[in-house]
C-alpha atoms as a PDB file:
ATOM      1  CA  MET A   1      -0.321  -0.007   0.366  1.00  0.00           C
ATOM      2  CA  THR A   2       2.375   2.595  -1.497  1.00  0.00           C
ATOM      3  CA  GLN A   3      -0.299   4.651  -2.428  1.00  0.00           C
ATOM      4  CA  ILE A   4      -1.179   7.576  -1.330  1.00  0.00           C
ATOM      5  CA  ILE A   5      -4.596   9.018  -3.207  1.00  0.00           C
ATOM      6  CA  PHE A   6      -6.666   5.962  -3.283  1.00  0.00           C
ATOM      7  CA  PRO A   7      -9.657   7.089  -6.629  1.00  0.00           C
ATOM      8  CA  SER A   8     -13.165   5.493  -5.388  1.00  0.00           C
ATOM      9  CA  LEU A   9     -15.791   3.484  -7.110  1.00  0.00           C
ATOM     10  CA  MET A  10     -19.195   4.526  -6.251  1.00  0.00           C
ATOM     11  CA  ALA A  11     -21.025   1.179  -8.873  1.00  0.00           C
ATOM     12  CA  LYS A  12     -24.723   0.644  -9.727  1.00  0.00           C
ATOM     13  CA  ASN A  13     -23.909  -1.588 -12.219  1.00  0.00           C
ATOM     14  CA  GLN A  14     -21.105  -3.039 -14.424  1.00  0.00           C
ATOM     15  CA  GLN A  15     -21.925  -1.240 -17.613  1.00  0.00           C
ATOM     16  CA  GLU A  16     -20.819   2.333 -14.793  1.00  0.00           C
ATOM     17  CA  LEU A  17     -18.014   0.162 -13.223  1.00  0.00           C
ATOM     18  CA  ASN A  18     -16.523  -0.405 -16.559  1.00  0.00           C
ATOM     19  CA  ALA A  19     -16.851   2.661 -17.678  1.00  0.00           C
ATOM     20  CA  ASP A  20     -14.614   4.142 -13.986  1.00  0.00           C
ATOM     21  CA  LEU A  21     -12.352   1.480 -14.973  1.00  0.00           C
ATOM     22  CA  LYS A  22     -11.924   2.319 -18.342  1.00  0.00           C
ATOM     23  CA  LYS A  23     -10.734   6.150 -16.858  1.00  0.00           C
ATOM     24  CA  LEU A  24      -8.421   5.180 -14.160  1.00  0.00           C
ATOM     25  CA  ARG A  25      -6.529   2.769 -15.727  1.00  0.00           C
ATOM     26  CA  GLY A  26      -3.034   3.323 -15.449  1.00  0.00           C
ATOM     27  CA  VAL A  27      -4.072   6.620 -13.204  1.00  0.00           C
ATOM     28  CA  ALA A  28      -3.685   4.631 -10.768  1.00  0.00           C
ATOM     29  CA  LYS A  29      -2.843   1.093  -9.366  1.00  0.00           C
ATOM     30  CA  GLU A  30      -5.262   0.758  -6.109  1.00  0.00           C
ATOM     31  CA  LEU A  31      -9.082   1.721  -5.986  1.00  0.00           C
ATOM     32  CA  HIS A  32     -11.239   1.992  -3.255  1.00  0.00           C
ATOM     33  CA  LEU A  33     -14.173   0.363  -3.926  1.00  0.00           C
ATOM     34  CA  ASP A  34     -17.667   1.823  -1.394  1.00  0.00           C
ATOM     35  CA  VAL A  35     -19.676  -0.280  -0.959  1.00  0.00           C
ATOM     36  CA  VAL A  36     -23.650   0.574   0.124  1.00  0.00           C
ATOM     37  CA  ASP A  37     -26.207  -1.396   0.768  1.00  0.00           C
ATOM     38  CA  GLY A  38     -29.072   0.562   1.410  1.00  0.00           C
ATOM     39  CA  LYS A  39     -29.485   0.238   4.805  1.00  0.00           C
ATOM     40  CA  PHE A  40     -26.273   0.864   6.009  1.00  0.00           C
ATOM     41  CA  ALA A  41     -26.694   4.322   4.744  1.00  0.00           C
ATOM     42  CA  PRO A  42     -29.063   5.575   1.526  1.00  0.00           C
ATOM     43  CA  ASN A  43     -27.456   4.257  -1.587  1.00  0.00           C
ATOM     44  CA  LYS A  44     -27.226   1.551  -3.222  1.00  0.00           C
ATOM     45  CA  THR A  45     -23.269   0.312  -4.286  1.00  0.00           C
ATOM     46  CA  PHE A  46     -22.041  -2.688  -5.989  1.00  0.00           C
ATOM     47  CA  GLN A  47     -25.625  -5.135  -5.137  1.00  0.00           C
ATOM     48  CA  PHE A  48     -24.806  -7.303  -8.361  1.00  0.00           C
ATOM     49  CA  PRO A  49     -22.738  -9.355  -9.325  1.00  0.00           C
ATOM     50  CA  PHE A  50     -19.871  -7.234 -10.209  1.00  0.00           C
ATOM     51  CA  LYS A  51     -16.024  -7.942 -12.445  1.00  0.00           C
ATOM     52  CA  LEU A  52     -13.333  -5.811 -11.857  1.00  0.00           C
ATOM     53  CA  SER A  53     -10.684  -5.543 -13.958  1.00  0.00           C
ATOM     54  CA  LYS A  54      -7.038  -7.179 -13.090  1.00  0.00           C
ATOM     55  CA  HIS A  55      -4.988  -3.433 -13.706  1.00  0.00           C
ATOM     56  CA  PHE A  56      -5.515  -2.439 -10.888  1.00  0.00           C
ATOM     57  CA  THR A  57      -5.280  -3.844  -6.560  1.00  0.00           C
ATOM     58  CA  TYR A  58      -8.515  -2.978  -4.631  1.00  0.00           C
ATOM     59  CA  ASN A  59      -9.448  -1.746  -0.909  1.00  0.00           C
ATOM     60  CA  ALA A  60     -13.599  -2.118  -0.106  1.00  0.00           C
ATOM     61  CA  HIS A  61     -14.759   0.221   2.466  1.00  0.00           C
ATOM     62  CA  LEU A  62     -17.600  -1.898   2.892  1.00  0.00           C
ATOM     63  CA  MET A  63     -20.327   0.376   3.964  1.00  0.00           C
ATOM     64  CA  ILE A  64     -23.014  -2.360   4.875  1.00  0.00           C
ATOM     65  CA  LYS A  65     -25.151  -5.008   7.241  1.00  0.00           C
ATOM     66  CA  ASN A  66     -23.024  -7.991   8.245  1.00  0.00           C
ATOM     67  CA  PRO A  67     -19.453  -7.759   6.171  1.00  0.00           C
ATOM     68  CA  GLU A  68     -18.561 -10.518   7.662  1.00  0.00           C
ATOM     69  CA  ASN A  69     -20.126 -12.500   4.896  1.00  0.00           C
ATOM     70  CA  TRP A  70     -19.770 -10.486   1.686  1.00  0.00           C
ATOM     71  CA  ILE A  71     -15.960 -10.800   2.434  1.00  0.00           C
ATOM     72  CA  LYS A  72     -15.807 -14.433   2.777  1.00  0.00           C
ATOM     73  CA  LYS A  73     -17.486 -13.972  -0.378  1.00  0.00           C
ATOM     74  CA  ASN A  74     -14.921 -11.632  -1.947  1.00  0.00           C
ATOM     75  CA  PHE A  75     -12.238 -13.414  -0.644  1.00  0.00           C
ATOM     76  CA  LYS A  76      -9.670 -13.798  -3.717  1.00  0.00           C
ATOM     77  CA  LYS A  77     -10.501  -9.405  -5.294  1.00  0.00           C
ATOM     78  CA  ILE A  78      -9.587  -8.220  -1.916  1.00  0.00           C
ATOM     79  CA  ASN A  79      -6.599  -6.309  -0.988  1.00  0.00           C
ATOM     80  CA  LEU A  80      -8.315  -4.744   2.462  1.00  0.00           C
ATOM     81  CA  PHE A  81     -11.881  -5.031   3.498  1.00  0.00           C
ATOM     82  CA  ILE A  82     -12.593  -1.338   5.380  1.00  0.00           C
ATOM     83  CA  PRO A  83     -15.722  -2.837   7.825  1.00  0.00           C
ATOM     84  CA  HIS A  84     -17.403  -0.680   9.936  1.00  0.00           C
ATOM     85  CA  PHE A  85     -15.842  -0.772  13.453  1.00  0.00           C
ATOM     86  CA  GLU A  86     -19.880  -0.546  14.175  1.00  0.00           C
ATOM     87  CA  GLU A  87     -20.767  -3.474  12.276  1.00  0.00           C
ATOM     88  CA  ILE A  88     -18.789  -5.875  13.289  1.00  0.00           C
ATOM     89  CA  LYS A  89     -20.202  -8.423  15.939  1.00  0.00           C
ATOM     90  CA  ASN A  90     -17.225  -9.851  18.504  1.00  0.00           C
ATOM     91  CA  ILE A  91     -14.380  -8.097  17.318  1.00  0.00           C
ATOM     92  CA  LYS A  92     -12.068 -10.077  18.723  1.00  0.00           C
ATOM     93  CA  LYS A  93     -13.715 -12.496  16.500  1.00  0.00           C
ATOM     94  CA  TYR A  94     -12.988 -10.133  13.899  1.00  0.00           C
ATOM     95  CA  LEU A  95      -8.820  -9.560  14.653  1.00  0.00           C
ATOM     96  CA  ALA A  96      -8.351 -13.028  15.044  1.00  0.00           C
ATOM     97  CA  TRP A  97      -9.766 -14.712  11.956  1.00  0.00           C
ATOM     98  CA  MET A  98      -7.850 -11.534   9.242  1.00  0.00           C
ATOM     99  CA  LYS A  99      -4.447 -12.332  11.378  1.00  0.00           C
ATOM    100  CA  ASN A 100      -5.500 -16.165  10.346  1.00  0.00           C
ATOM    101  CA  LYS A 101      -6.040 -15.591   7.095  1.00  0.00           C
ATOM    102  CA  LYS A 102      -3.024 -13.246   6.778  1.00  0.00           C
ATOM    103  CA  LYS A 103      -4.807 -10.430   5.858  1.00  0.00           C
ATOM    104  CA  LYS A 104      -3.973  -7.028   7.453  1.00  0.00           C
ATOM    105  CA  VAL A 105      -6.924  -5.100   9.044  1.00  0.00           C
ATOM    106  CA  ALA A 106      -8.964  -2.027   9.040  1.00  0.00           C
ATOM    107  CA  PHE A 107     -11.979  -0.584  10.442  1.00  0.00           C
ATOM    108  CA  ALA A 108     -13.623   2.456   9.123  1.00  0.00           C
ATOM    109  CA  LEU A 109     -15.563   4.893  12.216  1.00  0.00           C
ATOM    110  CA  LEU A 110     -19.057   6.297  11.663  1.00  0.00           C
ATOM    111  CA  PRO A 111     -18.707  10.462  12.661  1.00  0.00           C
ATOM    112  CA  GLU A 112     -20.788   9.628  16.020  1.00  0.00           C
ATOM    113  CA  THR A 113     -17.734   6.998  16.832  1.00  0.00           C
ATOM    114  CA  LYS A 114     -15.974   8.188  19.061  1.00  0.00           C
ATOM    115  CA  VAL A 115     -12.593   6.726  19.451  1.00  0.00           C
ATOM    116  CA  LYS A 116     -12.149   5.251  23.203  1.00  0.00           C
ATOM    117  CA  GLN A 117     -14.852   2.624  20.904  1.00  0.00           C
ATOM    118  CA  ILE A 118     -12.341   1.081  18.981  1.00  0.00           C
ATOM    119  CA  GLN A 119      -9.299   2.074  22.217  1.00  0.00           C
ATOM    120  CA  PRO A 120      -9.284  -1.109  22.773  1.00  0.00           C
ATOM    121  CA  TYR A 121      -8.280  -3.031  19.583  1.00  0.00           C
ATOM    122  CA  LEU A 122      -6.305  -0.162  18.143  1.00  0.00           C
ATOM    123  CA  GLN A 123      -3.025  -2.695  19.008  1.00  0.00           C
ATOM    124  CA  ASP A 124      -4.269  -5.210  16.634  1.00  0.00           C
ATOM    125  CA  ILE A 125      -6.366  -2.626  13.707  1.00  0.00           C
ATOM    126  CA  ASN A 126      -3.597  -2.298  10.730  1.00  0.00           C
ATOM    127  CA  HIS A 127      -5.284   0.849   9.022  1.00  0.00           C
ATOM    128  CA  ILE A 128      -8.367   3.289  10.278  1.00  0.00           C
ATOM    129  CA  LEU A 129     -10.448   4.245   7.960  1.00  0.00           C
ATOM    130  CA  ILE A 130     -11.491   7.192   9.120  1.00  0.00           C
ATOM    131  CA  LEU A 131     -14.790   8.842   7.404  1.00  0.00           C
ATOM    132  CA  THR A 132     -14.932  12.929   6.882  1.00  0.00           C
ATOM    133  CA  VAL A 133     -18.573  13.028   5.548  1.00  0.00           C
ATOM    134  CA  HIS A 134     -21.736  11.125   6.232  1.00  0.00           C
ATOM    135  CA  PRO A 135     -22.242   7.249   4.569  1.00  0.00           C
ATOM    136  CA  GLY A 136     -23.233   7.084   1.510  1.00  0.00           C
ATOM    137  CA  PHE A 137     -22.707   9.366  -1.460  1.00  0.00           C
ATOM    138  CA  TYR A 138     -20.895  11.162  -3.237  1.00  0.00           C
ATOM    139  CA  GLY A 139     -20.184  15.237  -2.391  1.00  0.00           C
ATOM    140  CA  SER A 140     -21.769  14.887   1.439  1.00  0.00           C
ATOM    141  CA  LYS A 141     -21.013  18.023   3.836  1.00  0.00           C
ATOM    142  CA  TYR A 142     -17.565  18.300   4.489  1.00  0.00           C
ATOM    143  CA  LEU A 143     -17.175  17.734   8.792  1.00  0.00           C
ATOM    144  CA  LYS A 144     -13.794  19.038   9.256  1.00  0.00           C
ATOM    145  CA  SER A 145     -14.156  18.231  13.725  1.00  0.00           C
ATOM    146  CA  GLU A 146     -13.606  14.425  12.544  1.00  0.00           C
ATOM    147  CA  LEU A 147      -9.512  15.231  11.660  1.00  0.00           C
ATOM    148  CA  LYS A 148      -9.306  15.881  15.386  1.00  0.00           C
ATOM    149  CA  LYS A 149      -9.263  11.712  16.356  1.00  0.00           C
ATOM    150  CA  ILE A 150      -5.782  10.869  13.580  1.00  0.00           C
ATOM    151  CA  PRO A 151      -4.026  12.172  16.123  1.00  0.00           C
ATOM    152  CA  LYS A 152      -6.002  10.884  19.478  1.00  0.00           C
ATOM    153  CA  ILE A 153      -5.332   7.691  17.428  1.00  0.00           C
ATOM    154  CA  LYS A 154      -1.577   7.939  16.279  1.00  0.00           C
ATOM    155  CA  LYS A 155      -0.943   8.562  19.834  1.00  0.00           C
ATOM    156  CA  LEU A 156      -2.402   5.557  21.014  1.00  0.00           C
ATOM    157  CA  ASN A 157      -0.745   3.859  18.283  1.00  0.00           C
ATOM    158  CA  PRO A 158       1.945   5.545  15.884  1.00  0.00           C
ATOM    159  CA  LYS A 159       2.464   2.778  13.416  1.00  0.00           C
ATOM    160  CA  ILE A 160      -1.428   2.505  12.741  1.00  0.00           C
ATOM    161  CA  LYS A 161      -2.582   3.796   9.553  1.00  0.00           C
ATOM    162  CA  VAL A 162      -4.731   5.965   8.897  1.00  0.00           C
ATOM    163  CA  ILE A 163      -6.649   6.458   5.745  1.00  0.00           C
ATOM    164  CA  VAL A 164      -8.719   9.061   5.400  1.00  0.00           C
ATOM    165  CA  ASP A 165     -11.814   9.263   3.250  1.00  0.00           C
ATOM    166  CA  GLY A 166     -14.923  12.357   2.182  1.00  0.00           C
ATOM    167  CA  GLY A 167     -14.644  15.274   0.478  1.00  0.00           C
ATOM    168  CA  MET A 168     -11.173  15.880  -0.268  1.00  0.00           C
ATOM    169  CA  HIS A 169     -10.266  18.106  -2.369  1.00  0.00           C
ATOM    170  CA  LEU A 170      -6.595  20.840  -2.667  1.00  0.00           C
ATOM    171  CA  LYS A 171      -7.785  22.652   0.977  1.00  0.00           C
ATOM    172  CA  THR A 172      -9.422  19.406   2.498  1.00  0.00           C
ATOM    173  CA  ILE A 173      -6.602  17.314   2.291  1.00  0.00           C
ATOM    174  CA  LYS A 174      -4.550  19.563   3.404  1.00  0.00           C
ATOM    175  CA  GLN A 175      -6.002  19.696   6.549  1.00  0.00           C
ATOM    176  CA  ALA A 176      -6.073  15.864   6.585  1.00  0.00           C
ATOM    177  CA  LYS A 177      -2.385  15.787   5.996  1.00  0.00           C
ATOM    178  CA  LYS A 178      -0.993  17.954   8.315  1.00  0.00           C
ATOM    179  CA  ALA A 179      -3.638  16.522  11.519  1.00  0.00           C
ATOM    180  CA  GLY A 180      -1.413  12.577  10.705  1.00  0.00           C
ATOM    181  CA  ALA A 181      -3.476  11.343   7.783  1.00  0.00           C
ATOM    182  CA  ASP A 182      -1.530   8.956   6.195  1.00  0.00           C
ATOM    183  CA  PHE A 183      -4.232   7.973   2.676  1.00  0.00           C
ATOM    184  CA  PHE A 184      -6.661  10.035   1.193  1.00  0.00           C
ATOM    185  CA  VAL A 185      -9.985   8.951  -0.484  1.00  0.00           C
ATOM    186  CA  SER A 186     -10.994  10.661  -3.309  1.00  0.00           C
ATOM    187  CA  GLY A 187     -14.329  10.083  -5.539  1.00  0.00           C
ATOM    188  CA  SER A 188     -16.160  12.985  -6.966  1.00  0.00           C
ATOM    189  CA  TYR A 189     -13.005  14.963  -7.252  1.00  0.00           C
ATOM    190  CA  THR A 190     -10.959  12.686  -8.991  1.00  0.00           C
ATOM    191  CA  THR A 191     -12.924   9.222 -10.304  1.00  0.00           C
ATOM    192  CA  LYS A 192     -16.189  11.798 -11.486  1.00  0.00           C
ATOM    193  CA  SER A 193     -13.379  14.301 -13.058  1.00  0.00           C
ATOM    194  CA  ASP A 194     -12.738  14.710 -16.476  1.00  0.00           C
ATOM    195  CA  ASN A 195      -9.361  14.377 -15.570  1.00  0.00           C
ATOM    196  CA  PRO A 196      -8.343  11.972 -12.810  1.00  0.00           C
ATOM    197  CA  ARG A 197      -4.768  11.871 -13.689  1.00  0.00           C
ATOM    198  CA  GLN A 198      -4.708  15.217 -13.718  1.00  0.00           C
ATOM    199  CA  ARG A 199      -6.920  16.258 -10.238  1.00  0.00           C
ATOM    200  CA  ILE A 200      -4.654  12.996  -8.308  1.00  0.00           C
ATOM    201  CA  LYS A 201      -1.840  14.660  -9.480  1.00  0.00           C
ATOM    202  CA  SER A 202      -2.439  18.906  -7.920  1.00  0.00           C
ATOM    203  CA  LEU A 203      -3.705  16.362  -5.057  1.00  0.00           C
ATOM    204  CA  MET A 204      -0.096  14.858  -4.190  1.00  0.00           C
ATOM    205  CA  SER A 205       1.002  18.312  -4.924  1.00  0.00           C
ATOM    206  CA  ALA A 206      -1.416  20.003  -2.256  1.00  0.00           C
ATOM    207  CA  ILE A 207       0.843  17.742   0.717  1.00  0.00           C
ATOM    208  CA  LYS A 208       3.895  17.590  -0.071  1.00  0.00           C
END
């Protein structure tokens, strides 16, 4: 996981997915799939038997109920699974499962979730995704206050890698970087633009 900015995809059908994959080929090596089931958040994406291109590796942010079922079904397709901490019923059992499968452990946190809730497990986690928007759609309202979680998490486990997802553009990515983020997810600013390559370049310049 060396790439800093992950373009995100929110596909409703294979045609839409193919168009985005084609647009991003040669632009990025690692993509971020936003999977929404209509129950956890008010939208539906990747709710079809999707086929992925072999030209990329994939992370999947699972904004869904019972994420373990999705993980089992798509185990070989995805490099890093990012279920919501709030949706894993037995955290210790999940940690042991991922460790046994030799997968890195990642969790996403809803804006409402406090760092102290995940604190007992932080030493066993590789990546935390901080949502700076309410989940479900591109272009949701940016919540700058969520960045305050990053230094708290890093203080408790300096080795953890923090991914910031939501409302990332030239100004906000600087704020996230300053707060201590390691990786950034960008959807509407990159994937949905006419020139994703140029947009990623400008975001990279903003955090140097």
